[in-house]
């Protein structure tokens, strides 16, 4: 029944939060043929949405919006209450902020109140934001009930389905790569969740009986990666001390199918992996359970930018450093909680002249007092130390001759292990877990 209602436009879909993930979720439903109402509190974002997100780098987004706009199947508004009144199905992907000491639900509460004020009989509300355990039961549902005077399962249906996507391939992740994780406030909501997500998720739908379990599932995904990255970093530091090549050992060890040692690196960024362990540690503290592995892993990964910067400083007494990459991950413009910030701060604190290059990020997020350029030749010219902090493809392709022509006296610290060392005969390359360290 939902299929026909959505395809016909009878049941309109509202997507609250048109950031990178939200705009891609909207695009998925536009590709399906739905009528979508985009909702965002930013006038700039609303304007971009109305123009079809012309600057989006996310695969498939511009095309989906362009077609929908041409077919009059999309509108963008700031009024969250009106969007709730106009739509039957509401997807929410607004940010939950954690600064390391407390979790800020402001945006979540605000959008929930607006949806509640416009909520109608038989509406469907689905939250996609990754949340601490208990958020749906203790904050979101009570707010919806109080604002709407409606009862879940009787008057409206509530679904939780955490997004499971990687920036740069969000549409493909939703449609093709992974099964959707869904849960609901009751059996009716869970049945609707299965029906709804079966329309777009080719890998199927995993229905969980407890919303809290679905909240925790997404956190487990991030914690698994955080802990295993920390393990790799710890082993790489050991290899540094032993003057053994971690990367050679890792490759050999991972030939055993039960072994999957992750990549070591200068740190973990983004608003997911560094934050999810804190959600779990908070809830564990509340129930008096010690999660020592989770806590130690997070501490180690937080320390890696400082370790890597100091490791690189030992390579030369000269004080000109070029840092390649501000984004937390390769080929994206997202620099939220990027380890590059701590790396830059450590070099500045130790008296280095810092030059920063990143082909994707906006200059507005560059730390004050740091020279920034999007021109790679300008970034490298007359520098003494090149520090690769982000695994952009552009950095993988840098040739030794290109660097030599710009800087005659230079050492490279490859913090992301992106360079093929066999292609470098004269310039020395060092990095986390690499052999042949030098002291000056």
Protein backbone atom coordinates (compact mmCIF):
# COMPACT_ATOMS: atom_id res chain seq x y z
CA UNK A 1 0.00 0.00 0.00
CA UNK A 2 2.81 2.43 0.85
CA UNK A 3 4.37 1.81 -2.54
CA UNK A 4 1.29 3.02 -4.41
CA UNK A 5 0.75 5.97 -2.06
CA UNK A 6 4.35 7.15 -2.43
CA UNK A 7 4.56 6.60 -6.17
CA UNK A 8 1.31 8.48 -6.77
CA UNK A 9 2.36 11.40 -4.59
CA UNK A 10 -0.58 10.88 -2.26
CA UNK A 11 1.81 10.24 0.62
CA UNK A 12 4.40 13.00 0.54
CA UNK A 13 7.78 12.55 2.21
CA UNK A 14 9.46 15.25 4.30
CA UNK A 15 13.21 15.09 4.92
CA UNK A 16 14.33 17.20 7.89
CA UNK A 17 17.97 18.25 7.57
CA UNK A 18 19.39 18.75 4.08
CA UNK A 19 23.06 18.35 4.85
CA UNK A 20 25.21 15.90 2.95
CA UNK A 21 23.42 12.83 4.27
CA UNK A 22 19.95 14.37 4.39
CA UNK A 23 20.12 15.62 0.81
CA UNK A 24 21.23 12.15 -0.30
CA UNK A 25 18.34 10.49 1.60
CA UNK A 26 15.99 12.93 -0.13
CA UNK A 27 17.62 12.01 -3.45
CA UNK A 28 17.03 8.30 -2.81
CA UNK A 29 13.30 8.91 -2.45
CA UNK A 30 13.26 11.25 -5.42
CA UNK A 31 14.92 8.52 -7.48
CA UNK A 32 12.17 6.19 -6.31
CA UNK A 33 9.57 8.59 -7.66
CA UNK A 34 8.31 10.18 -4.43
CA UNK A 35 7.21 13.75 -3.85
CA UNK A 36 9.71 15.13 -1.33
CA UNK A 37 9.57 18.20 0.89
CA UNK A 38 13.04 19.27 1.99
CA UNK A 39 13.24 21.02 5.35
CA UNK A 40 16.18 22.98 6.74
CA UNK A 41 16.59 25.96 9.04
CA UNK A 42 19.32 27.46 6.82
CA UNK A 43 18.13 29.87 4.13
CA UNK A 44 21.29 29.14 2.15
CA UNK A 45 20.64 25.39 2.20
CA UNK A 46 17.01 25.92 1.18
CA UNK A 47 18.15 28.03 -1.76
CA UNK A 48 20.69 25.39 -2.80
CA UNK A 49 17.99 22.71 -2.57
CA UNK A 50 15.60 24.72 -4.71
CA UNK A 51 18.38 24.96 -7.30
CA UNK A 52 19.01 21.22 -7.13
CA UNK A 53 22.23 21.27 -5.06
CA UNK A 54 24.40 22.25 -8.04
CA UNK A 55 27.60 22.09 -5.96
CA UNK A 56 26.98 18.67 -4.44
CA UNK A 57 29.83 16.18 -4.86
CA UNK A 58 27.66 13.29 -3.70
CA UNK A 59 27.02 10.84 -6.52
CA UNK A 60 23.48 10.98 -7.90
CA UNK A 61 22.19 13.91 -5.83
CA UNK A 62 22.21 16.64 -8.50
CA UNK A 63 20.64 14.36 -11.09
CA UNK A 64 17.85 13.23 -8.75
CA UNK A 65 16.97 16.76 -7.71
CA UNK A 66 17.12 18.12 -11.26
CA UNK A 67 14.67 15.51 -12.51
CA UNK A 68 12.30 15.96 -9.55
CA UNK A 69 12.30 19.74 -9.88
CA UNK A 70 11.51 19.40 -13.57
CA UNK A 71 8.62 17.05 -12.71
CA UNK A 72 7.37 19.27 -9.83
CA UNK A 73 8.04 16.57 -7.22
CA UNK A 74 10.18 18.63 -4.86
CA UNK A 75 9.81 21.68 -2.67
CA UNK A 76 12.08 23.13 0.02
CA UNK A 77 10.85 25.10 3.02
CA UNK A 78 12.12 26.32 6.39
CA UNK A 79 8.82 25.79 8.20
CA UNK A 80 9.10 22.41 9.91
CA UNK A 81 5.54 22.53 11.25
CA UNK A 82 4.06 23.15 7.80
CA UNK A 83 6.24 20.38 6.34
CA UNK A 84 4.83 18.00 8.96
CA UNK A 85 1.28 19.02 8.07
CA UNK A 86 1.91 18.53 4.34
CA UNK A 87 3.66 15.16 4.60
CA UNK A 88 2.65 11.70 5.74
CA UNK A 89 6.19 10.31 6.14
CA UNK A 90 8.94 12.27 7.91
CA UNK A 91 12.62 11.34 7.84
CA UNK A 92 14.89 13.14 10.31
CA UNK A 93 18.65 13.48 9.85
CA UNK A 94 19.54 16.55 11.91
CA UNK A 95 22.81 16.63 13.86
CA UNK A 96 23.37 15.53 17.41
CA UNK A 97 26.39 17.41 18.73
CA UNK A 98 28.92 15.97 21.16
CA UNK A 99 31.91 18.14 22.06
CA UNK A 100 33.61 15.46 24.15
CA UNK A 101 32.03 16.46 27.46
CA UNK A 102 28.30 16.66 26.84
CA UNK A 103 25.70 15.78 24.21
CA UNK A 104 23.64 18.62 22.76
CA UNK A 105 20.10 17.59 21.77
CA UNK A 106 19.03 21.11 20.80
CA UNK A 107 18.52 20.40 17.10
CA UNK A 108 16.86 17.05 17.80
CA UNK A 109 14.40 18.57 20.27
CA UNK A 110 13.63 21.50 18.00
CA UNK A 111 12.79 19.38 14.97
CA UNK A 112 10.82 16.88 17.09
CA UNK A 113 8.66 19.69 18.51
CA UNK A 114 7.94 21.04 15.02
CA UNK A 115 7.03 17.61 13.68
CA UNK A 116 4.80 17.01 16.68
CA UNK A 117 2.91 20.27 16.16
CA UNK A 118 2.03 19.23 12.61
CA UNK A 119 1.59 15.50 13.24
CA UNK A 120 -1.64 13.88 11.98
CA UNK A 121 -3.41 10.55 12.34
CA UNK A 122 -1.58 7.68 10.58
CA UNK A 123 1.59 9.70 9.97
CA UNK A 124 4.97 7.95 10.04
CA UNK A 125 7.99 9.48 11.77
CA UNK A 126 11.42 7.98 11.15
CA UNK A 127 14.63 9.16 12.83
CA UNK A 128 17.88 8.39 11.01
CA UNK A 129 20.39 10.29 13.17
CA UNK A 130 22.79 8.11 15.15
CA UNK A 131 21.70 8.47 18.77
CA UNK A 132 22.78 7.51 22.29
CA UNK A 133 20.87 4.57 23.71
CA UNK A 134 17.51 5.66 25.14
CA UNK A 135 17.16 8.84 23.07
CA UNK A 136 14.04 7.67 21.24
CA UNK A 137 12.30 6.39 24.39
CA UNK A 138 13.27 9.21 26.74
CA UNK A 139 13.39 12.33 24.55
CA UNK A 140 11.94 11.97 21.06
CA UNK A 141 8.77 9.97 21.66
CA UNK A 142 7.65 11.90 24.76
CA UNK A 143 8.11 15.15 22.82
CA UNK A 144 6.08 13.90 19.86
CA UNK A 145 3.31 12.73 22.17
CA UNK A 146 3.15 15.97 24.18
CA UNK A 147 3.22 18.23 21.12
CA UNK A 148 0.66 16.26 19.08
CA UNK A 149 -1.62 14.77 21.73
CA UNK A 150 -1.47 11.59 19.65
CA UNK A 151 -0.53 8.10 20.76
CA UNK A 152 2.15 6.00 19.06
CA UNK A 153 0.89 2.77 17.49
CA UNK A 154 -2.71 3.99 17.79
CA UNK A 155 -2.57 7.38 16.06
CA UNK A 156 0.91 7.57 14.49
CA UNK A 157 3.84 5.26 13.85
CA UNK A 158 7.43 5.75 14.97
CA UNK A 159 10.49 4.17 13.35
CA UNK A 160 14.18 4.32 14.14
CA UNK A 161 16.59 3.48 11.34
CA UNK A 162 20.20 4.64 11.83
CA UNK A 163 21.96 5.76 8.67
CA UNK A 164 24.73 3.37 7.59
CA UNK A 165 26.54 5.36 4.94
CA UNK A 166 29.92 6.68 3.91
CA UNK A 167 30.16 10.20 2.55
CA UNK A 168 30.86 10.02 -1.18
CA UNK A 169 28.71 6.95 -1.79
CA UNK A 170 25.62 7.57 0.34
CA UNK A 171 23.00 6.73 -2.28
CA UNK A 172 24.73 3.50 -3.22
CA UNK A 173 25.10 2.50 0.43
CA UNK A 174 21.37 2.99 1.03
CA UNK A 175 20.14 1.41 -2.18
CA UNK A 176 22.66 -1.36 -2.78
CA UNK A 177 25.44 -1.95 -0.30
CA UNK A 178 23.89 -2.74 3.10
CA UNK A 179 20.63 -3.99 4.57
CA UNK A 180 18.65 -1.30 6.37
CA UNK A 181 18.49 -1.56 10.16
CA UNK A 182 15.00 -0.68 11.44
CA UNK A 183 13.01 -0.80 14.63
CA UNK A 184 9.79 0.72 15.87
CA UNK A 185 7.87 1.66 18.97
CA UNK A 186 5.62 -1.37 18.49
CA UNK A 187 4.78 -4.20 16.10
CA UNK A 188 2.72 -1.97 13.78
CA UNK A 189 5.56 0.51 13.43
CA UNK A 190 8.04 -2.31 12.83
CA UNK A 191 5.84 -3.78 10.09
CA UNK A 192 5.60 -0.37 8.41
CA UNK A 193 9.37 0.06 8.75
CA UNK A 194 9.96 -3.24 6.96
CA UNK A 195 7.53 -2.31 4.18
CA UNK A 196 8.92 1.22 3.80
CA UNK A 197 12.60 0.36 3.66
CA UNK A 198 12.03 -2.66 1.44
CA UNK A 199 11.12 -0.16 -1.27
CA UNK A 200 14.66 1.25 -1.47
CA UNK A 201 17.08 -1.22 0.18
CA UNK A 202 18.02 -3.95 -2.30
CA UNK A 203 20.04 -5.81 0.37
CA UNK A 204 16.92 -6.15 2.49
CA UNK A 205 15.81 -5.03 5.93
CA UNK A 206 16.87 -6.22 9.37
CA UNK A 207 14.06 -5.60 11.85
CA UNK A 208 15.11 -5.26 15.48
CA UNK A 209 12.53 -5.71 18.23
CA UNK A 210 13.93 -3.06 20.58
CA UNK A 211 14.57 0.54 19.52
CA UNK A 212 17.39 0.73 22.07
CA UNK A 213 19.04 -2.25 20.39
CA UNK A 214 18.86 -0.45 17.03
CA UNK A 215 20.39 2.66 18.60
CA UNK A 216 23.21 0.56 20.05
CA UNK A 217 23.78 -1.38 16.82
CA UNK A 218 24.94 1.73 14.97
CA UNK A 219 27.25 2.67 17.82
CA UNK A 220 28.77 -0.81 17.76
CA UNK A 221 29.68 -0.35 14.10
CA UNK A 222 31.71 2.76 14.89
CA UNK A 223 33.26 1.37 18.06
CA UNK A 224 34.45 -1.73 16.21
CA UNK A 225 36.38 0.46 13.81
CA UNK A 226 37.69 2.77 16.52
CA UNK A 227 39.03 -0.10 18.62
CA UNK A 228 40.64 -1.84 15.67
CA UNK A 229 42.22 1.35 14.39
CA UNK A 230 43.63 1.88 17.88
CA UNK A 231 45.05 -1.65 17.83
CA UNK A 232 46.72 -0.93 14.50
CA UNK A 233 48.14 2.34 15.81
CA UNK A 234 49.50 0.67 18.94
CA UNK A 235 51.18 -2.06 16.89
CA UNK A 236 52.58 0.54 14.47
CA UNK A 237 54.13 2.49 17.35
CA UNK A 238 55.72 -0.75 18.56
CA UNK A 239 57.11 -1.33 15.08
CA UNK A 240 58.55 2.19 15.11
CA UNK A 241 60.49 1.37 18.26
CA UNK A 242 61.67 -1.98 16.88
CA UNK A 243 62.57 -0.47 13.48
CA UNK A 244 60.33 -3.04 11.80
CA UNK A 245 57.98 -2.15 8.94
CA UNK A 246 54.44 -2.37 10.33
CA UNK A 247 52.93 -2.31 6.84
CA UNK A 248 54.91 -5.35 5.73
CA UNK A 249 53.94 -7.24 8.88
CA UNK A 250 50.30 -6.18 8.49
CA UNK A 251 50.10 -7.38 4.89
CA UNK A 252 51.55 -10.76 5.82
CA UNK A 253 49.32 -11.15 8.89
CA UNK A 254 46.18 -10.24 6.93
CA UNK A 255 46.83 -13.08 4.51
CA UNK A 256 45.29 -15.22 7.26
CA UNK A 257 41.49 -14.87 6.76
CA UNK A 258 40.81 -14.58 10.50
CA UNK A 259 43.11 -11.57 10.80
CA UNK A 260 42.03 -8.07 9.76
CA UNK A 261 44.50 -5.57 11.15
CA UNK A 262 43.32 -2.10 10.19
CA UNK A 263 45.46 0.73 8.82
CA UNK A 264 47.47 2.87 11.22
CA UNK A 265 47.29 6.62 10.80
CA UNK A 266 47.49 10.09 12.28
CA UNK A 267 44.10 9.89 13.98
CA UNK A 268 40.38 9.37 13.57
CA UNK A 269 38.05 12.19 12.54
CA UNK A 270 34.50 12.91 11.49
CA UNK A 271 31.38 13.15 13.65
CA UNK A 272 30.85 9.39 13.85
CA UNK A 273 33.73 7.17 14.94
CA UNK A 274 35.28 9.59 17.49
CA UNK A 275 31.86 10.32 19.02
CA UNK A 276 30.07 6.96 19.26
CA UNK A 277 32.43 5.54 21.92
CA UNK A 278 31.58 8.50 24.13
CA UNK A 279 27.88 7.73 23.82
CA UNK A 280 28.54 4.16 24.92
CA UNK A 281 30.90 5.15 27.72
CA UNK A 282 28.26 7.52 29.09
CA UNK A 283 25.55 4.85 29.15
CA UNK A 284 28.00 2.28 30.56
CA UNK A 285 28.85 4.66 33.40
CA UNK A 286 25.14 5.06 34.16
CA UNK A 287 24.71 1.30 34.58
CA UNK A 288 28.09 0.90 36.34
CA UNK A 289 29.81 -1.16 33.64
CA UNK A 290 33.45 -0.56 32.74
CA UNK A 291 34.22 -0.53 29.01
CA UNK A 292 37.98 -0.28 29.37
CA UNK A 293 38.87 -1.39 25.86
CA UNK A 294 36.53 1.19 24.33
CA UNK A 295 37.89 3.93 26.56
CA UNK A 296 41.57 3.10 26.03
CA UNK A 297 41.10 2.85 22.27
CA UNK A 298 39.50 6.28 22.14
CA UNK A 299 42.29 7.80 24.23
CA UNK A 300 44.98 6.28 22.01
CA UNK A 301 43.36 7.48 18.79
CA UNK A 302 42.96 10.96 20.29
CA UNK A 303 46.69 11.00 21.03
CA UNK A 304 47.81 9.93 17.55
CA UNK A 305 47.89 13.41 15.92
CA UNK A 306 50.31 14.64 18.60
CA UNK A 307 52.40 11.48 18.39
CA UNK A 308 52.65 11.76 14.60
CA UNK A 309 53.49 15.48 14.63
CA UNK A 310 56.25 14.98 17.19
CA UNK A 311 57.51 11.93 15.31
CA UNK A 312 57.81 14.08 12.19
CA UNK A 313 59.54 16.94 14.03
CA UNK A 314 62.45 14.67 14.87
CA UNK A 315 63.29 14.34 11.18
CA UNK A 316 64.60 17.88 10.62
CA UNK A 317 65.67 20.97 12.54
CA UNK A 318 64.26 23.26 9.86
CA UNK A 319 60.97 24.92 10.62
CA UNK A 320 59.02 25.04 7.36
CA UNK A 321 56.30 22.38 7.14
CA UNK A 322 53.62 21.79 4.54
CA UNK A 323 50.61 19.84 5.78
CA UNK A 324 48.68 18.10 3.03
CA UNK A 325 45.05 17.65 3.99
CA UNK A 326 42.60 19.19 6.44
CA UNK A 327 39.63 16.89 5.72
CA UNK A 328 39.26 13.95 8.08
CA UNK A 329 39.04 11.49 5.16
CA UNK A 330 40.23 11.36 1.59
CA UNK A 331 38.32 12.97 -1.28
CA UNK A 332 35.75 14.76 0.90
CA UNK A 333 35.42 18.35 2.10
CA UNK A 334 34.35 17.38 5.61
CA UNK A 335 36.90 18.41 8.25
CA UNK A 336 34.76 17.99 11.36
CA UNK A 337 36.88 16.67 14.26
CA UNK A 338 39.72 16.10 11.82
CA UNK A 339 43.04 15.12 13.42
CA UNK A 340 44.69 17.67 11.13
CA UNK A 341 43.64 20.45 13.51
CA UNK A 342 45.64 18.93 16.37
CA UNK A 343 48.58 18.31 14.03
CA UNK A 344 48.58 21.95 12.89
CA UNK A 345 48.31 23.18 16.48
CA UNK A 346 51.27 21.04 17.56
CA UNK A 347 53.50 22.34 14.76
CA UNK A 348 52.50 25.97 15.44
CA UNK A 349 53.10 25.51 19.16
CA UNK A 350 56.64 24.32 18.39
CA UNK A 351 57.48 27.32 16.25
CA UNK A 352 56.97 25.92 12.77
CA UNK A 353 55.90 27.96 9.78
CA UNK A 354 52.83 25.99 8.67
CA UNK A 355 51.49 25.93 5.14
CA UNK A 356 48.29 23.97 4.52
CA UNK A 357 46.91 22.47 1.33
CA UNK A 358 43.57 20.78 0.70
CA UNK A 359 41.80 20.65 -2.67
CA UNK A 360 38.33 20.23 -1.16
CA UNK A 361 37.81 22.21 2.03
CA UNK A 362 36.70 25.81 2.36
CA UNK A 363 39.22 28.39 3.55
CA UNK A 364 36.67 29.47 6.17
CA UNK A 365 37.46 26.40 8.31
CA UNK A 366 41.24 26.81 8.19
CA UNK A 367 42.81 27.78 11.56
CA UNK A 368 43.75 31.42 11.85
CA UNK A 369 47.33 32.33 11.11
CA UNK A 370 47.93 29.31 8.87
CA UNK A 371 48.84 29.91 5.24
CA UNK A 372 46.35 28.05 3.06
CA UNK A 373 46.37 27.25 -0.62
CA UNK A 374 44.56 24.96 -3.04
CA UNK A 375 47.55 24.99 -5.41
CA UNK A 376 49.76 21.97 -4.73
CA UNK A 377 52.87 23.49 -6.30
CA UNK A 378 52.57 26.61 -4.14
CA UNK A 379 52.08 24.43 -1.06
CA UNK A 380 55.23 22.39 -1.65
CA UNK A 381 57.57 25.10 -2.93
CA UNK A 382 60.60 25.73 -0.67
CA UNK A 383 59.35 23.60 2.20
CA UNK A 384 61.52 21.36 4.39
CA UNK A 385 58.93 18.88 5.61
CA UNK A 386 55.85 17.55 3.85
CA UNK A 387 53.36 15.99 6.25
CA UNK A 388 50.56 13.99 4.60
CA UNK A 389 47.58 14.13 6.97
CA UNK A 390 44.72 13.13 4.63
CA UNK A 391 44.52 10.35 2.06
CA UNK A 392 43.27 12.42 -0.88
CA UNK A 393 43.87 10.69 -4.22
CA UNK A 394 45.76 13.77 -5.37
CA UNK A 395 48.48 13.04 -2.82
CA UNK A 396 48.84 9.42 -3.90
CA UNK A 397 49.75 10.60 -7.38
CA UNK A 398 52.51 13.05 -6.40
CA UNK A 399 55.75 12.28 -8.24
CA UNK A 400 59.24 12.62 -6.80
CA UNK A 401 60.39 14.81 -9.68
CA UNK A 402 57.50 17.23 -9.11
CA UNK A 403 58.53 17.68 -5.47
CA UNK A 404 62.26 17.90 -6.24
CA UNK A 405 61.71 20.67 -8.74
CA UNK A 406 59.96 22.75 -6.09
CA UNK A 407 61.95 21.93 -2.94
CA UNK A 408 65.57 20.83 -3.00
CA UNK A 409 65.84 19.99 0.69
CA UNK A 410 62.71 18.14 1.78
CA UNK A 411 61.64 15.09 3.79
CA UNK A 412 58.20 13.48 3.63
CA UNK A 413 56.23 12.19 6.60
CA UNK A 414 53.46 10.04 5.14
CA UNK A 415 50.92 9.93 7.94
CA UNK A 416 48.38 8.00 5.84
CA UNK A 417 50.69 5.59 4.01
CA UNK A 418 49.51 6.77 0.60
CA UNK A 419 52.82 7.01 -1.25
CA UNK A 420 54.46 4.18 -3.14
CA UNK A 421 57.96 4.34 -1.67
CA UNK A 422 59.41 2.39 -4.59
CA UNK A 423 58.75 5.44 -6.78
CA UNK A 424 60.89 7.65 -4.54
CA UNK A 425 64.62 7.09 -4.94
CA UNK A 426 66.09 10.30 -3.53
CA UNK A 427 63.51 11.86 -1.21
CA UNK A 428 63.26 10.08 2.13
CA UNK A 429 59.79 9.01 3.22
CA UNK A 430 58.94 8.29 6.84
CA UNK A 431 55.71 7.62 8.67
CA UNK A 432 53.85 5.71 11.35
CA UNK A 433 55.14 2.16 11.51
CA UNK A 434 57.86 2.72 8.92
CA UNK A 435 61.51 1.63 9.20
CA UNK A 436 64.66 3.73 9.05
CA UNK A 437 63.76 6.51 11.45
CA UNK A 438 66.37 9.20 11.89
CA UNK A 439 67.13 11.53 14.77
CA UNK A 440 68.47 15.06 14.41
